[in-house]
Amino acid sequence: MANPGQGRVDFIGTRWGFPLRVNGRGGIDMSRGASAVEEALFLLLSTPIGERRMRPDFGCGIHDFVFATNDPTTHGLIRHQVLEAIALWEPRVEVVDVRVWPDPDEPARVLVDIDYALRATNERRNLVYPFYVIPGEE
């Protein structure tokens, strides 16, 4: 008998692992299911808009805030950019919430906490993306 949830995993897909790595047999390591989606989200957030020559609209606009102050206004702008990028480029997820706050241990790091659900399985997941700003001179 076939696995009843198998079709849902197939919908999520299989992709090259990110970062690119070699598996135990010497081939390219592949990611499947929820880990493929998590890696795709990380890749999306790590790519500045305009970086990809053949797809210049791909990416997330948070990189425009590298020189911004680490304050609530910047956090709101980062949140908006994350929501916009995921809505445009990742149809396999439904964003539940995005929270942005300064890392208490590192003043130059902003933590972007994304709660999302996989549309195919309704499984709730979480991704914390570290984003670095260049602190201004005080």
C-alpha atoms as a PDB file:
ATOM      1  CA  MET A   1       0.000   0.000   0.000  1.00  0.00           C
ATOM      2  CA  ALA A   2       1.297   3.468  -0.881  1.00  0.00           C
ATOM      3  CA  ASN A   3       2.074   5.991   1.824  1.00  0.00           C
ATOM      4  CA  PRO A   4      -0.979   8.321   1.974  1.00  0.00           C
ATOM      5  CA  GLY A   5       1.185  11.373   2.791  1.00  0.00           C
ATOM      6  CA  GLN A   6       3.676  10.684  -0.018  1.00  0.00           C
ATOM      7  CA  GLY A   7       1.896  12.904  -2.553  1.00  0.00           C
ATOM      8  CA  ARG A   8       2.142  15.837  -0.182  1.00  0.00           C
ATOM      9  CA  VAL A   9       5.901  15.430   0.185  1.00  0.00           C
ATOM     10  CA  ASP A  10       6.203  15.166  -3.601  1.00  0.00           C
ATOM     11  CA  PHE A  11       4.350  18.477  -3.875  1.00  0.00           C
ATOM     12  CA  ILE A  12       6.929  20.117  -1.614  1.00  0.00           C
ATOM     13  CA  GLY A  13       9.629  18.799  -3.924  1.00  0.00           C
ATOM     14  CA  THR A  14      13.255  17.854  -4.048  1.00  0.00           C
ATOM     15  CA  ARG A  15      16.121  20.237  -4.734  1.00  0.00           C
ATOM     16  CA  TRP A  16      19.857  20.495  -4.509  1.00  0.00           C
ATOM     17  CA  GLY A  17      20.927  20.936  -0.915  1.00  0.00           C
ATOM     18  CA  PHE A  18      21.884  24.421   0.198  1.00  0.00           C
ATOM     19  CA  PRO A  19      24.639  25.127   0.696  1.00  0.00           C
ATOM     20  CA  LEU A  20      25.743  22.893  -2.152  1.00  0.00           C
ATOM     21  CA  ARG A  21      27.327  19.742  -0.740  1.00  0.00           C
ATOM     22  CA  VAL A  22      28.407  16.257  -1.770  1.00  0.00           C
ATOM     23  CA  ASN A  23      26.659  13.136  -0.465  1.00  0.00           C
ATOM     24  CA  GLY A  24      28.336   9.907   0.693  1.00  0.00           C
ATOM     25  CA  ARG A  25      28.332   8.461  -2.829  1.00  0.00           C
ATOM     26  CA  GLY A  26      30.082  11.458  -4.374  1.00  0.00           C
ATOM     27  CA  GLY A  27      26.947  12.963  -5.940  1.00  0.00           C
ATOM     28  CA  ILE A  28      25.158  16.211  -5.183  1.00  0.00           C
ATOM     29  CA  ASP A  29      23.261  16.030  -1.905  1.00  0.00           C
ATOM     30  CA  MET A  30      19.530  16.590  -2.318  1.00  0.00           C
ATOM     31  CA  SER A  31      17.016  18.092   0.114  1.00  0.00           C
ATOM     32  CA  ARG A  32      13.447  16.866   0.339  1.00  0.00           C
ATOM     33  CA  GLY A  33      10.272  17.907   2.058  1.00  0.00           C
ATOM     34  CA  ALA A  34      10.347  20.429   4.883  1.00  0.00           C
ATOM     35  CA  SER A  35      14.141  20.773   4.823  1.00  0.00           C
ATOM     36  CA  ALA A  36      13.986  21.755   1.134  1.00  0.00           C
ATOM     37  CA  VAL A  37      11.526  24.517   1.989  1.00  0.00           C
ATOM     38  CA  GLU A  38      13.634  25.732   4.921  1.00  0.00           C
ATOM     39  CA  GLU A  39      16.746  25.866   2.734  1.00  0.00           C
ATOM     40  CA  ALA A  40      14.785  27.706   0.032  1.00  0.00           C
ATOM     41  CA  LEU A  41      13.625  30.304   2.571  1.00  0.00           C
ATOM     42  CA  PHE A  42      17.165  30.785   3.831  1.00  0.00           C
ATOM     43  CA  LEU A  43      18.404  31.184   0.255  1.00  0.00           C
ATOM     44  CA  LEU A  44      15.636  33.677  -0.534  1.00  0.00           C
ATOM     45  CA  LEU A  45      16.432  35.809   2.514  1.00  0.00           C
ATOM     46  CA  SER A  46      20.178  35.636   1.811  1.00  0.00           C
ATOM     47  CA  THR A  47      19.862  36.863  -1.781  1.00  0.00           C
ATOM     48  CA  PRO A  48      19.777  40.634  -2.354  1.00  0.00           C
ATOM     49  CA  ILE A  49      17.342  41.777  -5.025  1.00  0.00           C
ATOM     50  CA  GLY A  50      19.250  42.283  -8.273  1.00  0.00           C
ATOM     51  CA  GLU A  51      22.019  39.798  -7.447  1.00  0.00           C
ATOM     52  CA  ARG A  52      20.846  37.117  -9.891  1.00  0.00           C
ATOM     53  CA  ARG A  53      21.497  38.157 -13.438  1.00  0.00           C
ATOM     54  CA  MET A  54      18.855  35.959 -15.087  1.00  0.00           C
ATOM     55  CA  ARG A  55      16.247  36.632 -12.393  1.00  0.00           C
ATOM     56  CA  PRO A  56      16.934  40.157 -11.102  1.00  0.00           C
ATOM     57  CA  ASP A  57      13.665  40.389  -9.145  1.00  0.00           C
ATOM     58  CA  PHE A  58      14.483  37.329  -7.008  1.00  0.00           C
ATOM     59  CA  GLY A  59      15.571  37.901  -3.437  1.00  0.00           C
ATOM     60  CA  CYS A  60      14.703  39.920  -0.380  1.00  0.00           C
ATOM     61  CA  GLY A  61      15.027  43.669   0.132  1.00  0.00           C
ATOM     62  CA  ILE A  62      16.412  43.412   3.667  1.00  0.00           C
ATOM     63  CA  HIS A  63      19.920  43.954   2.339  1.00  0.00           C
ATOM     64  CA  ASP A  64      19.045  47.617   1.762  1.00  0.00           C
ATOM     65  CA  PHE A  65      19.153  47.984   5.561  1.00  0.00           C
ATOM     66  CA  VAL A  66      22.735  46.880   6.176  1.00  0.00           C
ATOM     67  CA  PHE A  67      23.691  50.447   7.088  1.00  0.00           C
ATOM     68  CA  ALA A  68      20.429  51.271   8.892  1.00  0.00           C
ATOM     69  CA  THR A  69      20.205  51.759  12.624  1.00  0.00           C
ATOM     70  CA  ASN A  70      19.194  48.787  14.732  1.00  0.00           C
ATOM     71  CA  ASP A  71      15.901  50.295  15.907  1.00  0.00           C
ATOM     72  CA  PRO A  72      12.167  49.505  15.782  1.00  0.00           C
ATOM     73  CA  THR A  73      11.654  51.432  12.529  1.00  0.00           C
ATOM     74  CA  THR A  74      14.282  49.344  10.750  1.00  0.00           C
ATOM     75  CA  HIS A  75      12.825  46.199  12.300  1.00  0.00           C
ATOM     76  CA  GLY A  76       9.406  47.061  10.846  1.00  0.00           C
ATOM     77  CA  LEU A  77      10.913  47.663   7.401  1.00  0.00           C
ATOM     78  CA  ILE A  78      12.804  44.362   7.564  1.00  0.00           C
ATOM     79  CA  ARG A  79       9.591  42.569   8.556  1.00  0.00           C
ATOM     80  CA  HIS A  80       7.771  44.093   5.584  1.00  0.00           C
ATOM     81  CA  GLN A  81      10.524  43.031   3.165  1.00  0.00           C
ATOM     82  CA  VAL A  82      10.535  39.463   4.514  1.00  0.00           C
ATOM     83  CA  LEU A  83       6.751  39.143   4.216  1.00  0.00           C
ATOM     84  CA  GLU A  84       6.829  40.551   0.682  1.00  0.00           C
ATOM     85  CA  ALA A  85       9.635  38.253  -0.500  1.00  0.00           C
ATOM     86  CA  ILE A  86       8.059  35.103   0.910  1.00  0.00           C
ATOM     87  CA  ALA A  87       4.640  35.964  -0.529  1.00  0.00           C
ATOM     88  CA  LEU A  88       6.188  36.519  -3.959  1.00  0.00           C
ATOM     89  CA  TRP A  89       8.710  33.673  -4.142  1.00  0.00           C
ATOM     90  CA  GLU A  90       7.674  30.840  -1.832  1.00  0.00           C
ATOM     91  CA  PRO A  91       4.165  29.540  -2.587  1.00  0.00           C
ATOM     92  CA  ARG A  92       4.714  26.353  -0.540  1.00  0.00           C
ATOM     93  CA  VAL A  93       4.373  28.214   2.768  1.00  0.00           C
ATOM     94  CA  GLU A  94       1.837  30.331   4.562  1.00  0.00           C
ATOM     95  CA  VAL A  95       3.463  32.842   6.887  1.00  0.00           C
ATOM     96  CA  VAL A  96       1.915  32.795  10.346  1.00  0.00           C
ATOM     97  CA  ASP A  97       4.054  35.521  11.918  1.00  0.00           C
ATOM     98  CA  VAL A  98       7.327  37.395  11.471  1.00  0.00           C
ATOM     99  CA  ARG A  99       9.063  38.974  14.448  1.00  0.00           C
ATOM    100  CA  VAL A 100      12.215  41.072  14.242  1.00  0.00           C
ATOM    101  CA  TRP A 101      14.298  42.098  17.229  1.00  0.00           C
ATOM    102  CA  PRO A 102      17.907  42.998  18.082  1.00  0.00           C
ATOM    103  CA  ASP A 103      20.078  40.170  19.353  1.00  0.00           C
ATOM    104  CA  PRO A 104      20.877  40.961  23.017  1.00  0.00           C
ATOM    105  CA  ASP A 105      24.272  39.231  22.696  1.00  0.00           C
ATOM    106  CA  GLU A 106      25.397  40.953  19.473  1.00  0.00           C
ATOM    107  CA  PRO A 107      24.474  44.624  18.829  1.00  0.00           C
ATOM    108  CA  ALA A 108      25.125  44.303  15.085  1.00  0.00           C
ATOM    109  CA  ARG A 109      22.760  41.336  14.634  1.00  0.00           C
ATOM    110  CA  VAL A 110      19.031  41.455  14.054  1.00  0.00           C
ATOM    111  CA  LEU A 111      17.080  38.209  14.466  1.00  0.00           C
ATOM    112  CA  VAL A 112      14.226  37.572  12.045  1.00  0.00           C
ATOM    113  CA  ASP A 113      11.929  34.901  13.495  1.00  0.00           C
ATOM    114  CA  ILE A 114       9.540  33.434  10.910  1.00  0.00           C
ATOM    115  CA  ASP A 115       6.681  31.135  11.883  1.00  0.00           C
ATOM    116  CA  TYR A 116       5.157  29.427   8.871  1.00  0.00           C
ATOM    117  CA  ALA A 117       3.034  26.470   7.861  1.00  0.00           C
ATOM    118  CA  LEU A 118       3.717  24.155   4.937  1.00  0.00           C
ATOM    119  CA  ARG A 119       0.675  24.389   2.682  1.00  0.00           C
ATOM    120  CA  ALA A 120       0.907  20.734   1.576  1.00  0.00           C
ATOM    121  CA  THR A 121       0.892  19.243   5.073  1.00  0.00           C
ATOM    122  CA  ASN A 122      -0.202  22.144   7.325  1.00  0.00           C
ATOM    123  CA  GLU A 123       2.900  21.414   9.425  1.00  0.00           C
ATOM    124  CA  ARG A 124       3.985  24.427  11.502  1.00  0.00           C
ATOM    125  CA  ARG A 125       7.670  25.316  11.289  1.00  0.00           C
ATOM    126  CA  ASN A 126       9.992  28.080  12.478  1.00  0.00           C
ATOM    127  CA  LEU A 127      13.091  29.675  10.989  1.00  0.00           C
ATOM    128  CA  VAL A 128      15.318  32.225  12.728  1.00  0.00           C
ATOM    129  CA  TYR A 129      17.380  34.172  10.217  1.00  0.00           C
ATOM    130  CA  PRO A 130      20.308  36.246  11.526  1.00  0.00           C
ATOM    131  CA  PHE A 131      20.726  39.548   9.683  1.00  0.00           C
ATOM    132  CA  TYR A 132      23.696  41.801  10.327  1.00  0.00           C
ATOM    133  CA  VAL A 133      23.693  45.567  10.292  1.00  0.00           C
ATOM    134  CA  ILE A 134      26.818  47.676  10.376  1.00  0.00           C
ATOM    135  CA  PRO A 135      26.615  49.612  13.643  1.00  0.00           C
ATOM    136  CA  GLY A 136      26.957  53.370  13.349  1.00  0.00           C
ATOM    137  CA  GLU A 137      29.406  55.431  15.286  1.00  0.00           C
ATOM    138  CA  GLU A 138      27.981  56.601  18.578  1.00  0.00           C
END
